[in-house]
């Protein structure tokens, strides 16, 4: 039985803290490494936390009728390195900023029971919301607020940060 190895993958950034392994053909499994050491992740999308060089290998498994307990496993070549260095954003990326009132929030860390508050520059609370789990990109829609500059507060039991955001239309 002749089967092709998976194509070599390319790592591209999807968002501030998310990398994607891309190829012309999907692999069954993705084997990620950080600085040459295997990490626990098998999906084509990887949330990155630590600074370093990331690589990925594609893995395909083909069943063999004559030997169902011994499948054929094929691997791609290792991808080129993708060097990740976190931005100086204190662990929270807010983009685009300024925006029309729709902001994407992405945390470097997985946060539970997140309180989202927006204040005017003078401290008047205009918005209060909750995010059960902030472990991937979250869209915050505050188009009801007028144009201006505001303070966005994000707080959980393990994280607290304020950032300036601007709404421009």
N, C-alpha and C. Protein backbone atom coordinates (compact mmCIF):
# COMPACT_ATOMS: atom_id res chain seq x y z
N UNK A 1 0.84 -1.17 0.00
CA UNK A 1 0.00 0.00 0.00
C UNK A 1 0.89 1.24 0.00
N UNK A 2 0.72 2.11 -1.01
CA UNK A 2 1.51 3.34 -1.08
C UNK A 2 0.63 4.50 -0.67
N UNK A 3 1.09 5.23 0.31
CA UNK A 3 0.40 6.43 0.78
C UNK A 3 1.42 7.55 0.86
N UNK A 4 0.97 8.75 0.51
CA UNK A 4 1.85 9.90 0.58
C UNK A 4 1.96 10.42 2.01
N UNK A 5 3.13 10.91 2.33
CA UNK A 5 3.29 11.60 3.61
C UNK A 5 2.50 12.90 3.56
N UNK A 6 2.03 13.39 4.70
CA UNK A 6 1.37 14.70 4.70
C UNK A 6 2.33 15.77 4.19
N UNK A 7 1.76 16.81 3.61
CA UNK A 7 2.57 17.93 3.11
C UNK A 7 3.19 18.67 4.29
N UNK A 8 4.35 19.27 4.05
CA UNK A 8 4.99 20.07 5.08
C UNK A 8 4.07 21.25 5.42
N UNK A 9 3.92 21.50 6.70
CA UNK A 9 3.02 22.54 7.18
C UNK A 9 3.73 23.88 7.30
N UNK A 10 2.95 24.93 7.24
CA UNK A 10 3.43 26.29 7.45
C UNK A 10 2.70 26.84 8.66
N UNK A 11 3.42 27.47 9.57
CA UNK A 11 2.80 28.08 10.74
C UNK A 11 2.55 29.56 10.45
N UNK A 12 1.30 29.98 10.64
CA UNK A 12 0.94 31.39 10.45
C UNK A 12 0.17 31.87 11.68
N UNK A 13 0.37 33.13 12.06
CA UNK A 13 -0.40 33.67 13.19
C UNK A 13 -1.84 33.92 12.76
N UNK A 14 -2.78 33.54 13.61
CA UNK A 14 -4.19 33.80 13.35
C UNK A 14 -4.63 35.04 14.12
N UNK A 15 -4.29 35.09 15.39
CA UNK A 15 -4.54 36.25 16.23
C UNK A 15 -3.32 36.43 17.11
N UNK A 16 -3.41 37.32 18.07
CA UNK A 16 -2.26 37.64 18.92
C UNK A 16 -1.67 36.41 19.58
N UNK A 17 -2.51 35.53 20.09
CA UNK A 17 -2.05 34.36 20.83
C UNK A 17 -2.46 33.04 20.20
N UNK A 18 -2.70 33.04 18.90
CA UNK A 18 -3.12 31.82 18.22
C UNK A 18 -2.31 31.60 16.96
N UNK A 19 -1.75 30.40 16.83
CA UNK A 19 -1.04 30.00 15.62
C UNK A 19 -1.85 28.91 14.91
N UNK A 20 -1.72 28.87 13.58
CA UNK A 20 -2.41 27.87 12.78
C UNK A 20 -1.40 27.15 11.90
N UNK A 21 -1.52 25.83 11.84
CA UNK A 21 -0.70 25.01 10.93
C UNK A 21 -1.49 24.87 9.63
N UNK A 22 -0.90 25.33 8.53
CA UNK A 22 -1.60 25.29 7.24
C UNK A 22 -0.84 24.44 6.24
N UNK A 23 -1.64 23.82 5.35
CA UNK A 23 -1.10 23.01 4.27
C UNK A 23 -2.17 22.87 3.21
N UNK A 24 -1.78 22.37 2.05
CA UNK A 24 -2.76 22.15 0.98
C UNK A 24 -3.68 20.97 1.29
N UNK A 25 -3.26 20.12 2.21
CA UNK A 25 -4.09 18.97 2.61
C UNK A 25 -4.08 18.85 4.13
N UNK A 26 -5.24 18.55 4.70
CA UNK A 26 -5.38 18.43 6.15
C UNK A 26 -4.70 17.16 6.65
N UNK A 27 -4.04 17.28 7.78
CA UNK A 27 -3.46 16.11 8.44
C UNK A 27 -4.47 15.58 9.46
N UNK A 28 -4.30 14.32 9.85
CA UNK A 28 -5.16 13.73 10.88
C UNK A 28 -4.83 14.30 12.26
N UNK A 29 -3.56 14.58 12.47
CA UNK A 29 -3.10 15.04 13.78
C UNK A 29 -1.92 15.98 13.57
N UNK A 30 -1.74 16.89 14.52
CA UNK A 30 -0.66 17.87 14.44
C UNK A 30 0.20 17.73 15.69
N UNK A 31 1.49 17.56 15.49
CA UNK A 31 2.42 17.36 16.59
C UNK A 31 3.26 18.63 16.74
N UNK A 32 2.94 19.42 17.75
CA UNK A 32 3.59 20.71 17.98
C UNK A 32 4.79 20.56 18.90
N UNK A 33 5.79 21.42 18.66
CA UNK A 33 6.96 21.48 19.53
C UNK A 33 7.27 22.93 19.85
N UNK A 34 7.77 23.14 21.05
CA UNK A 34 8.26 24.45 21.50
C UNK A 34 9.72 24.28 21.87
N UNK A 35 10.58 24.99 21.17
CA UNK A 35 12.02 24.90 21.38
C UNK A 35 12.50 23.45 21.34
N UNK A 36 11.94 22.67 20.39
CA UNK A 36 12.37 21.29 20.17
C UNK A 36 11.73 20.26 21.07
N UNK A 37 10.91 20.70 22.05
CA UNK A 37 10.27 19.76 22.98
C UNK A 37 8.79 19.64 22.65
N UNK A 38 8.29 18.41 22.62
CA UNK A 38 6.88 18.17 22.31
C UNK A 38 5.98 18.83 23.35
N UNK A 39 4.87 19.37 22.86
CA UNK A 39 3.87 19.94 23.75
C UNK A 39 2.54 19.22 23.50
N UNK A 40 1.67 19.25 24.48
CA UNK A 40 0.40 18.54 24.38
C UNK A 40 -0.57 19.38 23.57
N UNK A 41 -0.69 19.06 22.30
CA UNK A 41 -1.62 19.72 21.38
C UNK A 41 -1.67 18.88 20.12
N UNK A 42 -2.88 18.62 19.62
CA UNK A 42 -3.00 17.76 18.44
C UNK A 42 -3.85 18.38 17.35
N UNK A 43 -4.27 19.63 17.54
CA UNK A 43 -5.13 20.31 16.59
C UNK A 43 -4.28 21.22 15.69
N UNK A 44 -4.86 21.68 14.60
CA UNK A 44 -4.13 22.58 13.69
C UNK A 44 -4.02 23.98 14.27
N UNK A 45 -4.83 24.28 15.29
CA UNK A 45 -4.82 25.60 15.93
C UNK A 45 -4.20 25.46 17.31
N UNK A 46 -3.26 26.35 17.63
CA UNK A 46 -2.55 26.28 18.90
C UNK A 46 -2.59 27.63 19.59
N UNK A 47 -3.06 27.65 20.84
CA UNK A 47 -2.98 28.86 21.65
C UNK A 47 -1.57 28.91 22.24
N UNK A 48 -0.87 30.01 22.00
CA UNK A 48 0.52 30.12 22.46
C UNK A 48 0.59 31.04 23.67
N UNK A 49 1.36 30.60 24.63
CA UNK A 49 1.54 31.35 25.87
C UNK A 49 3.01 31.69 26.05
N UNK A 50 3.86 30.71 25.78
CA UNK A 50 5.28 30.86 26.09
C UNK A 50 6.08 31.36 24.90
N UNK A 51 7.06 32.19 25.21
CA UNK A 51 8.00 32.69 24.22
C UNK A 51 8.87 31.54 23.73
N UNK A 52 9.18 31.54 22.42
CA UNK A 52 10.08 30.52 21.90
C UNK A 52 9.82 30.21 20.45
N UNK A 53 10.49 29.18 19.95
CA UNK A 53 10.38 28.75 18.56
C UNK A 53 9.44 27.56 18.48
N UNK A 54 8.37 27.72 17.69
CA UNK A 54 7.36 26.67 17.51
C UNK A 54 7.55 26.00 16.16
N UNK A 55 7.37 24.67 16.14
CA UNK A 55 7.34 23.90 14.89
C UNK A 55 6.18 22.92 14.98
N UNK A 56 5.82 22.36 13.84
CA UNK A 56 4.72 21.40 13.81
C UNK A 56 5.00 20.35 12.73
N UNK A 57 4.52 19.13 12.99
CA UNK A 57 4.62 18.01 12.06
C UNK A 57 3.20 17.48 11.85
N UNK A 58 2.85 17.19 10.61
CA UNK A 58 1.56 16.58 10.31
C UNK A 58 1.67 15.07 10.38
N UNK A 59 0.60 14.43 10.87
CA UNK A 59 0.59 12.97 11.00
C UNK A 59 -0.71 12.45 10.40
N UNK A 60 -0.61 11.45 9.53
CA UNK A 60 -1.78 10.76 8.98
C UNK A 60 -1.68 9.28 9.33
N UNK A 61 -2.82 8.69 9.66
CA UNK A 61 -2.89 7.27 10.00
C UNK A 61 -3.84 6.60 9.02
N UNK A 62 -3.35 5.54 8.36
CA UNK A 62 -4.15 4.82 7.37
C UNK A 62 -4.39 3.40 7.86
N UNK A 63 -5.65 2.97 7.93
CA UNK A 63 -5.92 1.59 8.34
C UNK A 63 -5.47 0.61 7.26
N UNK A 64 -5.05 -0.54 7.70
CA UNK A 64 -4.66 -1.62 6.78
C UNK A 64 -5.61 -2.79 7.04
N UNK A 65 -6.35 -3.18 6.01
CA UNK A 65 -7.35 -4.26 6.19
C UNK A 65 -6.74 -5.55 6.70
N UNK A 66 -5.58 -5.88 6.19
CA UNK A 66 -4.97 -7.15 6.59
C UNK A 66 -4.35 -7.10 7.99
N UNK A 67 -4.20 -5.87 8.52
CA UNK A 67 -3.59 -5.72 9.84
C UNK A 67 -4.26 -4.55 10.57
N UNK A 68 -5.52 -4.75 11.01
CA UNK A 68 -6.27 -3.64 11.60
C UNK A 68 -5.67 -3.05 12.87
N UNK A 69 -4.86 -3.82 13.58
CA UNK A 69 -4.24 -3.31 14.81
C UNK A 69 -2.88 -2.67 14.56
N UNK A 70 -2.48 -2.62 13.30
CA UNK A 70 -1.16 -2.07 12.97
C UNK A 70 -1.30 -1.13 11.77
N UNK A 71 -1.86 0.05 11.97
CA UNK A 71 -2.08 0.97 10.85
C UNK A 71 -0.77 1.55 10.32
N UNK A 72 -0.84 2.07 9.12
CA UNK A 72 0.29 2.75 8.51
C UNK A 72 0.27 4.20 8.98
N UNK A 73 1.37 4.68 9.53
CA UNK A 73 1.46 6.06 10.02
C UNK A 73 2.50 6.80 9.20
N UNK A 74 2.09 7.96 8.67
CA UNK A 74 2.98 8.78 7.85
C UNK A 74 3.10 10.18 8.46
N UNK A 75 4.29 10.76 8.34
CA UNK A 75 4.57 12.07 8.93
C UNK A 75 5.07 13.03 7.86
N UNK A 76 4.75 14.29 8.04
CA UNK A 76 5.31 15.33 7.18
C UNK A 76 6.70 15.68 7.68
N UNK A 77 7.40 16.47 6.89
CA UNK A 77 8.64 17.06 7.39
C UNK A 77 8.26 18.11 8.44
N UNK A 78 9.20 18.43 9.30
CA UNK A 78 8.95 19.45 10.32
C UNK A 78 8.87 20.83 9.65
N UNK A 79 7.94 21.63 10.11
CA UNK A 79 7.77 22.97 9.55
C UNK A 79 8.98 23.85 9.86
N UNK A 80 9.04 24.97 9.18
CA UNK A 80 10.04 25.97 9.55
C UNK A 80 9.65 26.53 10.91
N UNK A 81 10.62 27.04 11.64
CA UNK A 81 10.36 27.59 12.98
C UNK A 81 9.56 28.88 12.88
N UNK A 82 8.66 29.04 13.84
CA UNK A 82 7.94 30.30 14.00
C UNK A 82 8.31 30.83 15.38
N UNK A 83 8.99 31.96 15.41
CA UNK A 83 9.42 32.54 16.69
C UNK A 83 8.30 33.41 17.25
N UNK A 84 7.87 33.08 18.46
CA UNK A 84 6.81 33.83 19.13
C UNK A 84 7.39 34.57 20.33
N UNK A 85 7.11 35.85 20.37
CA UNK A 85 7.46 36.67 21.53
C UNK A 85 6.21 37.47 21.87
N UNK A 86 5.68 37.31 23.07
CA UNK A 86 4.45 38.02 23.41
C UNK A 86 4.64 39.53 23.36
N UNK A 87 3.56 40.18 22.93
CA UNK A 87 3.56 41.64 22.91
C UNK A 87 3.58 42.15 24.35
N UNK A 88 3.95 43.39 24.51
CA UNK A 88 3.92 44.00 25.83
C UNK A 88 2.51 44.51 26.09
N UNK A 89 1.56 43.58 26.17
CA UNK A 89 0.15 43.95 26.34
C UNK A 89 -0.38 43.47 27.68
N UNK A 90 0.49 43.03 28.56
CA UNK A 90 0.14 42.58 29.91
C UNK A 90 -0.78 41.35 29.90
N UNK A 91 -0.85 40.63 28.78
CA UNK A 91 -1.62 39.40 28.72
C UNK A 91 -3.01 39.53 28.15
N UNK A 92 -3.36 40.73 27.65
CA UNK A 92 -4.68 40.93 27.05
C UNK A 92 -4.52 41.75 25.79
N UNK A 93 -4.98 41.20 24.68
CA UNK A 93 -4.96 41.90 23.41
C UNK A 93 -6.38 42.39 23.11
N UNK A 94 -6.51 43.67 22.76
CA UNK A 94 -7.79 44.27 22.39
C UNK A 94 -7.62 44.86 21.00
N UNK A 95 -8.37 44.35 20.02
CA UNK A 95 -8.20 44.81 18.66
C UNK A 95 -9.51 44.71 17.89
N UNK A 96 -9.73 45.48 16.86
CA UNK A 96 -8.95 46.67 16.54
C UNK A 96 -9.20 47.76 17.57
N UNK A 97 -8.28 48.63 17.73
CA UNK A 97 -8.43 49.73 18.67
C UNK A 97 -7.65 50.92 18.12
N UNK A 98 -8.34 51.93 17.67
CA UNK A 98 -9.77 52.22 17.80
C UNK A 98 -10.63 51.34 16.88
N UNK A 99 -11.94 51.33 17.19
CA UNK A 99 -12.88 50.57 16.37
C UNK A 99 -14.21 51.30 16.31
N UNK A 100 -15.17 50.67 15.62
CA UNK A 100 -16.51 51.24 15.51
C UNK A 100 -17.39 50.84 16.70
N UNK A 101 -16.82 50.14 17.66
CA UNK A 101 -17.56 49.67 18.82
C UNK A 101 -17.54 48.16 18.95
N UNK A 102 -16.97 47.49 17.97
CA UNK A 102 -16.80 46.03 18.05
C UNK A 102 -15.32 45.76 18.27
N UNK A 103 -15.02 45.17 19.43
CA UNK A 103 -13.64 44.87 19.81
C UNK A 103 -13.48 43.36 19.97
N UNK A 104 -12.31 42.86 19.62
CA UNK A 104 -11.96 41.47 19.88
C UNK A 104 -11.04 41.45 21.09
N UNK A 105 -11.36 40.58 22.03
CA UNK A 105 -10.55 40.40 23.23
C UNK A 105 -9.90 39.03 23.15
N UNK A 106 -8.62 38.98 23.44
CA UNK A 106 -7.94 37.69 23.50
C UNK A 106 -6.94 37.74 24.65
N UNK A 107 -7.05 36.76 25.53
CA UNK A 107 -6.17 36.68 26.69
C UNK A 107 -5.06 35.66 26.44
N UNK A 108 -3.91 35.98 26.93
CA UNK A 108 -2.79 35.05 26.85
C UNK A 108 -3.06 33.83 27.74
N UNK A 109 -3.87 34.03 28.76
CA UNK A 109 -4.16 32.99 29.75
C UNK A 109 -5.63 32.59 29.66
N UNK A 110 -5.96 31.39 30.05
CA UNK A 110 -7.35 30.96 30.14
C UNK A 110 -7.95 31.55 31.41
N UNK A 111 -8.99 32.34 31.26
CA UNK A 111 -9.61 33.01 32.41
C UNK A 111 -11.06 32.56 32.56
N UNK A 112 -11.49 32.34 33.78
CA UNK A 112 -12.87 31.95 34.08
C UNK A 112 -13.59 33.07 34.82
N UNK A 113 -14.91 33.14 34.59
CA UNK A 113 -15.78 34.10 35.27
C UNK A 113 -15.19 35.51 35.19
N UNK A 114 -15.10 36.00 33.96
CA UNK A 114 -14.47 37.29 33.69
C UNK A 114 -15.52 38.40 33.73
N UNK A 115 -15.21 39.44 34.45
CA UNK A 115 -16.05 40.63 34.50
C UNK A 115 -15.48 41.65 33.52
N UNK A 116 -16.35 42.17 32.66
CA UNK A 116 -15.95 43.18 31.68
C UNK A 116 -16.71 44.46 32.01
N UNK A 117 -15.97 45.54 32.24
CA UNK A 117 -16.59 46.81 32.61
C UNK A 117 -16.00 47.91 31.74
N UNK A 118 -16.85 48.84 31.31
CA UNK A 118 -16.38 50.00 30.56
C UNK A 118 -16.79 51.25 31.32
N UNK A 119 -15.81 52.13 31.49
CA UNK A 119 -16.01 53.39 32.20
C UNK A 119 -15.65 54.56 31.29
N UNK A 120 -16.25 55.70 31.58
CA UNK A 120 -15.80 56.93 30.93
C UNK A 120 -14.46 57.30 31.55
N UNK A 121 -13.79 58.25 30.97
CA UNK A 121 -12.51 58.71 31.50
C UNK A 121 -12.68 59.29 32.90
N UNK A 122 -13.88 59.81 33.20
CA UNK A 122 -14.14 60.38 34.53
C UNK A 122 -14.59 59.33 35.54
N UNK A 123 -14.72 58.05 35.13
CA UNK A 123 -15.03 56.98 36.06
C UNK A 123 -16.48 56.53 36.11
N UNK A 124 -17.34 57.07 35.25
CA UNK A 124 -18.75 56.65 35.23
C UNK A 124 -18.86 55.30 34.51
N UNK A 125 -19.46 54.31 35.17
CA UNK A 125 -19.63 53.00 34.57
C UNK A 125 -20.74 53.04 33.52
N UNK A 126 -20.40 52.58 32.29
CA UNK A 126 -21.36 52.58 31.19
C UNK A 126 -21.78 51.17 30.76
N UNK A 127 -20.95 50.20 31.07
CA UNK A 127 -21.22 48.83 30.60
C UNK A 127 -20.68 47.85 31.63
N UNK A 128 -21.45 46.79 31.88
CA UNK A 128 -21.01 45.69 32.74
C UNK A 128 -21.45 44.40 32.07
N UNK A 129 -20.52 43.48 31.89
CA UNK A 129 -20.84 42.20 31.28
C UNK A 129 -20.00 41.09 31.89
N UNK A 130 -20.36 39.86 31.56
CA UNK A 130 -19.64 38.69 32.06
C UNK A 130 -19.27 37.80 30.89
N UNK A 131 -18.11 37.19 31.00
CA UNK A 131 -17.68 36.15 30.07
C UNK A 131 -17.38 34.93 30.92
N UNK A 132 -18.09 33.84 30.67
CA UNK A 132 -17.92 32.64 31.49
C UNK A 132 -16.48 32.12 31.40
N UNK A 133 -15.96 31.99 30.18
CA UNK A 133 -14.59 31.52 29.99
C UNK A 133 -13.96 32.31 28.84
N UNK A 134 -12.85 32.96 29.11
CA UNK A 134 -12.10 33.68 28.08
C UNK A 134 -10.86 32.85 27.77
N UNK A 135 -11.03 31.91 26.83
CA UNK A 135 -9.92 31.02 26.46
C UNK A 135 -9.65 31.05 24.96
N UNK A 136 -10.38 31.91 24.25
CA UNK A 136 -10.17 32.12 22.82
C UNK A 136 -10.67 33.53 22.52
N UNK A 137 -10.58 33.91 21.29
CA UNK A 137 -11.00 35.26 20.91
C UNK A 137 -12.48 35.48 21.22
N UNK A 138 -12.78 36.61 21.84
CA UNK A 138 -14.15 36.96 22.22
C UNK A 138 -14.49 38.31 21.59
N UNK A 139 -15.68 38.43 21.01
CA UNK A 139 -16.12 39.68 20.40
C UNK A 139 -16.98 40.45 21.39
N UNK A 140 -16.57 41.67 21.68
CA UNK A 140 -17.29 42.57 22.57
C UNK A 140 -17.95 43.64 21.71
N UNK A 141 -19.28 43.68 21.74
CA UNK A 141 -20.05 44.62 20.92
C UNK A 141 -20.60 45.73 21.82
N UNK A 142 -20.01 46.91 21.72
CA UNK A 142 -20.47 48.07 22.49
C UNK A 142 -20.76 49.23 21.53
N UNK A 143 -21.34 48.89 20.37
CA UNK A 143 -21.69 49.93 19.39
C UNK A 143 -22.72 50.91 19.92
N UNK A 144 -23.43 50.54 20.98
CA UNK A 144 -24.42 51.45 21.57
C UNK A 144 -23.76 52.65 22.25
N UNK A 145 -22.48 52.54 22.55
CA UNK A 145 -21.77 53.66 23.18
C UNK A 145 -21.42 54.71 22.13
N UNK A 146 -21.45 55.98 22.50
CA UNK A 146 -21.07 57.04 21.55
C UNK A 146 -19.56 57.04 21.31
N UNK A 147 -19.14 57.76 20.27
CA UNK A 147 -17.71 57.92 20.00
C UNK A 147 -17.03 58.47 21.24
N UNK A 148 -15.81 58.03 21.44
CA UNK A 148 -15.05 58.54 22.58
C UNK A 148 -13.98 57.57 23.02
N UNK A 149 -13.28 57.97 24.07
CA UNK A 149 -12.24 57.14 24.67
C UNK A 149 -12.76 56.66 26.02
N UNK A 150 -12.56 55.37 26.27
CA UNK A 150 -13.10 54.73 27.47
C UNK A 150 -12.03 53.89 28.15
N UNK A 151 -12.33 53.49 29.38
CA UNK A 151 -11.47 52.56 30.12
C UNK A 151 -12.18 51.21 30.13
N UNK A 152 -11.51 50.20 29.59
CA UNK A 152 -12.01 48.83 29.58
C UNK A 152 -11.35 48.10 30.75
N UNK A 153 -12.17 47.56 31.64
CA UNK A 153 -11.65 46.79 32.77
C UNK A 153 -11.98 45.31 32.59
N UNK A 154 -10.98 44.47 32.74
CA UNK A 154 -11.13 43.02 32.66
C UNK A 154 -10.64 42.46 33.98
N UNK A 155 -11.49 41.63 34.62
CA UNK A 155 -11.11 41.09 35.92
C UNK A 155 -11.66 39.68 36.10
N UNK A 156 -10.80 38.81 36.62
CA UNK A 156 -11.19 37.46 37.05
C UNK A 156 -10.50 37.22 38.40
N UNK A 157 -10.62 36.04 38.92
CA UNK A 157 -9.98 35.76 40.22
C UNK A 157 -8.46 35.77 40.13
N UNK A 158 -7.92 35.61 38.91
CA UNK A 158 -6.46 35.52 38.75
C UNK A 158 -5.88 36.63 37.87
N UNK A 159 -6.70 37.56 37.42
CA UNK A 159 -6.25 38.54 36.42
C UNK A 159 -7.03 39.83 36.60
N UNK A 160 -6.33 40.95 36.49
CA UNK A 160 -7.00 42.26 36.55
C UNK A 160 -6.20 43.24 35.70
N UNK A 161 -6.90 43.90 34.76
CA UNK A 161 -6.21 44.82 33.86
C UNK A 161 -7.19 45.84 33.32
N UNK A 162 -6.71 47.05 33.15
CA UNK A 162 -7.49 48.12 32.51
C UNK A 162 -6.73 48.60 31.29
N UNK A 163 -7.48 48.91 30.23
CA UNK A 163 -6.90 49.44 28.99
C UNK A 163 -7.78 50.52 28.44
N UNK A 164 -7.16 51.47 27.75
CA UNK A 164 -7.93 52.49 27.06
C UNK A 164 -8.41 51.93 25.72
N UNK A 165 -9.68 52.20 25.41
CA UNK A 165 -10.22 51.84 24.10
C UNK A 165 -10.87 53.08 23.50
N UNK A 166 -10.92 53.13 22.19
CA UNK A 166 -11.54 54.27 21.51
C UNK A 166 -12.55 53.79 20.50
N UNK A 167 -13.70 54.51 20.47
CA UNK A 167 -14.73 54.24 19.47
C UNK A 167 -14.75 55.43 18.53
N UNK A 168 -14.54 55.13 17.25
CA UNK A 168 -14.53 56.15 16.20
C UNK A 168 -15.40 55.64 15.06
N UNK A 169 -16.30 56.50 14.58
CA UNK A 169 -17.15 56.09 13.46
C UNK A 169 -16.97 57.03 12.30
